[in-house]
Structure formats: C-alpha cells, structure tokens
C-alpha cells in the first residue's frame, strides 16, 4: 500500500507527529478572549433586532477543538477526514514549518 500525500510530506519535511498534535492544541484551545467573543455574539443575537446601533463582534474565536490522534492516524493511512479537520492539520503543519524557517504550504499539497 502506498503512502498518502500527507504521510510522504511528513517524512520529507521530517515532522514529528507529536509536535503536530501539540501545535494544534496550542492553536485551537479556547482562551479567555475567545469565550468573550462567543459571549458577545450570543448576547448580540438575543438582544432586540431593533438595536442596530450596537457594535457587532467581527473577530473570529478559535474552534476549541484541537487535532486528535485518531484524526492524524486517518490522515496518514488514507482514511476519511472532514474538511475542518484538514484545516486544523494544515494550520498545525504550517506552524511547525514556520518554526523551521520554511515556507508555508497549501491544503492541496497535503491532501
């Protein structure tokens, strides 16, 4: 069985799978500011629609869902992966490449 594009990329760039998981955890874990953003959006939604002068929250919070070991294994073996999971893998890999002073990659290169 041949390796997937993602598995070949990880081998060629010498990326550690544990570091990919760790980077995803750092990038996706909710912080206090993310909870504040979610609260502001929720409160704006529940307020009366007639209050059009209220400022809208334009920032986007983190997802709060880091990459799992199961998803990473599926990516390496060629299993089914959801779109948001592919994006999480991409952001974690780009974070590691940035630390190695290498160029960021596109989603099409990994999958």
Protein backbone atom coordinates (compact mmCIF):
# COMPACT_ATOMS: atom_id res chain seq x y z
CA UNK A 1 0.00 0.00 0.00
CA UNK A 2 1.42 3.37 -0.96
CA UNK A 3 1.71 6.25 1.46
CA UNK A 4 -0.71 9.13 1.31
CA UNK A 5 0.40 12.59 0.19
CA UNK A 6 0.29 13.72 3.83
CA UNK A 7 2.46 10.82 5.04
CA UNK A 8 5.03 11.47 2.31
CA UNK A 9 5.08 15.18 3.15
CA UNK A 10 5.63 14.48 6.86
CA UNK A 11 8.52 12.14 6.01
CA UNK A 12 10.11 14.55 3.56
CA UNK A 13 9.96 17.50 5.96
CA UNK A 14 10.92 15.33 8.97
CA UNK A 15 7.98 16.47 11.09
CA UNK A 16 7.24 14.73 14.38
CA UNK A 17 3.61 13.66 14.77
CA UNK A 18 3.64 14.54 18.46
CA UNK A 19 4.70 18.08 17.61
CA UNK A 20 1.85 18.35 15.10
CA UNK A 21 -0.62 17.37 17.84
CA UNK A 22 0.99 19.78 20.27
CA UNK A 23 0.93 22.66 17.80
CA UNK A 24 -2.74 22.02 17.06
CA UNK A 25 -3.51 22.03 20.76
CA UNK A 26 -1.79 25.40 21.19
CA UNK A 27 -3.55 26.89 18.16
CA UNK A 28 -7.08 25.62 18.76
CA UNK A 29 -7.55 25.60 22.54
CA UNK A 30 -10.04 28.19 23.73
CA UNK A 31 -8.68 31.18 25.63
CA UNK A 32 -10.43 33.75 27.75
CA UNK A 33 -10.71 36.19 24.84
CA UNK A 34 -12.37 33.51 22.66
CA UNK A 35 -15.01 32.92 25.30
CA UNK A 36 -15.59 36.68 25.42
CA UNK A 37 -16.07 36.81 21.66
CA UNK A 38 -18.59 33.97 21.80
CA UNK A 39 -20.44 35.66 24.64
CA UNK A 40 -20.62 38.97 22.77
CA UNK A 41 -22.01 37.26 19.66
CA UNK A 42 -24.56 35.33 21.71
CA UNK A 43 -25.69 38.44 23.56
CA UNK A 44 -25.98 40.42 20.33
CA UNK A 45 -28.17 37.68 18.88
CA UNK A 46 -30.53 37.59 21.87
CA UNK A 47 -30.94 41.37 22.05
CA UNK A 48 -33.78 43.03 20.21
CA UNK A 49 -33.20 43.30 16.47
CA UNK A 50 -34.18 46.96 16.63
CA UNK A 51 -30.89 47.79 18.34
CA UNK A 52 -28.97 48.25 15.06
CA UNK A 53 -26.52 50.77 16.54
CA UNK A 54 -24.88 48.16 18.77
CA UNK A 55 -21.33 47.24 17.69
CA UNK A 56 -21.01 43.80 16.12
CA UNK A 57 -18.27 41.35 17.00
CA UNK A 58 -16.09 40.87 13.92
CA UNK A 59 -13.30 38.76 15.38
CA UNK A 60 -13.44 35.00 14.99
CA UNK A 61 -12.80 32.78 18.03
CA UNK A 62 -10.71 29.63 18.00
CA UNK A 63 -12.67 26.43 17.45
CA UNK A 64 -11.79 24.85 20.78
CA UNK A 65 -11.33 21.51 19.03
CA UNK A 66 -7.66 20.57 18.62
CA UNK A 67 -6.45 17.77 16.38
CA UNK A 68 -6.85 14.25 17.77
CA UNK A 69 -4.56 11.26 17.47
CA UNK A 70 -7.33 9.39 15.66
CA UNK A 71 -7.68 12.11 13.01
CA UNK A 72 -3.93 12.23 12.47
CA UNK A 73 -3.80 8.46 12.04
CA UNK A 74 -6.63 8.64 9.50
CA UNK A 75 -4.72 11.31 7.58
CA UNK A 76 -1.60 9.16 7.49
CA UNK A 77 -3.36 5.97 6.39
CA UNK A 78 -5.76 7.49 3.89
CA UNK A 79 -8.98 7.34 5.93
CA UNK A 80 -11.88 9.76 5.65
CA UNK A 81 -11.23 13.19 7.10
CA UNK A 82 -13.67 16.07 7.44
CA UNK A 83 -12.87 19.45 5.93
CA UNK A 84 -12.39 21.33 9.23
CA UNK A 85 -10.00 18.59 10.39
CA UNK A 86 -7.91 19.04 7.25
CA UNK A 87 -7.73 22.75 8.01
CA UNK A 88 -6.57 22.04 11.57
CA UNK A 89 -3.85 19.73 10.26
CA UNK A 90 -2.79 22.39 7.77
CA UNK A 91 -2.53 25.13 10.40
CA UNK A 92 -0.51 22.88 12.74
CA UNK A 93 1.86 21.83 9.96
CA UNK A 94 2.30 25.43 8.83
CA UNK A 95 3.09 26.42 12.41
CA UNK A 96 5.87 23.83 12.55
CA UNK A 97 7.22 24.83 9.14
CA UNK A 98 7.24 28.46 10.26
CA UNK A 99 9.32 27.47 13.29
CA UNK A 100 11.77 25.69 10.96
CA UNK A 101 12.00 28.86 8.83
CA UNK A 102 10.43 27.11 5.84
CA UNK A 103 7.66 28.27 3.53
CA UNK A 104 4.03 27.61 4.38
CA UNK A 105 2.17 25.03 2.31
CA UNK A 106 -1.26 24.90 0.72
CA UNK A 107 -4.01 22.40 1.54
CA UNK A 108 -3.71 20.83 -1.93
CA UNK A 109 -0.11 19.87 -1.20
CA UNK A 110 -1.08 17.88 1.90
CA UNK A 111 -4.26 16.17 0.67
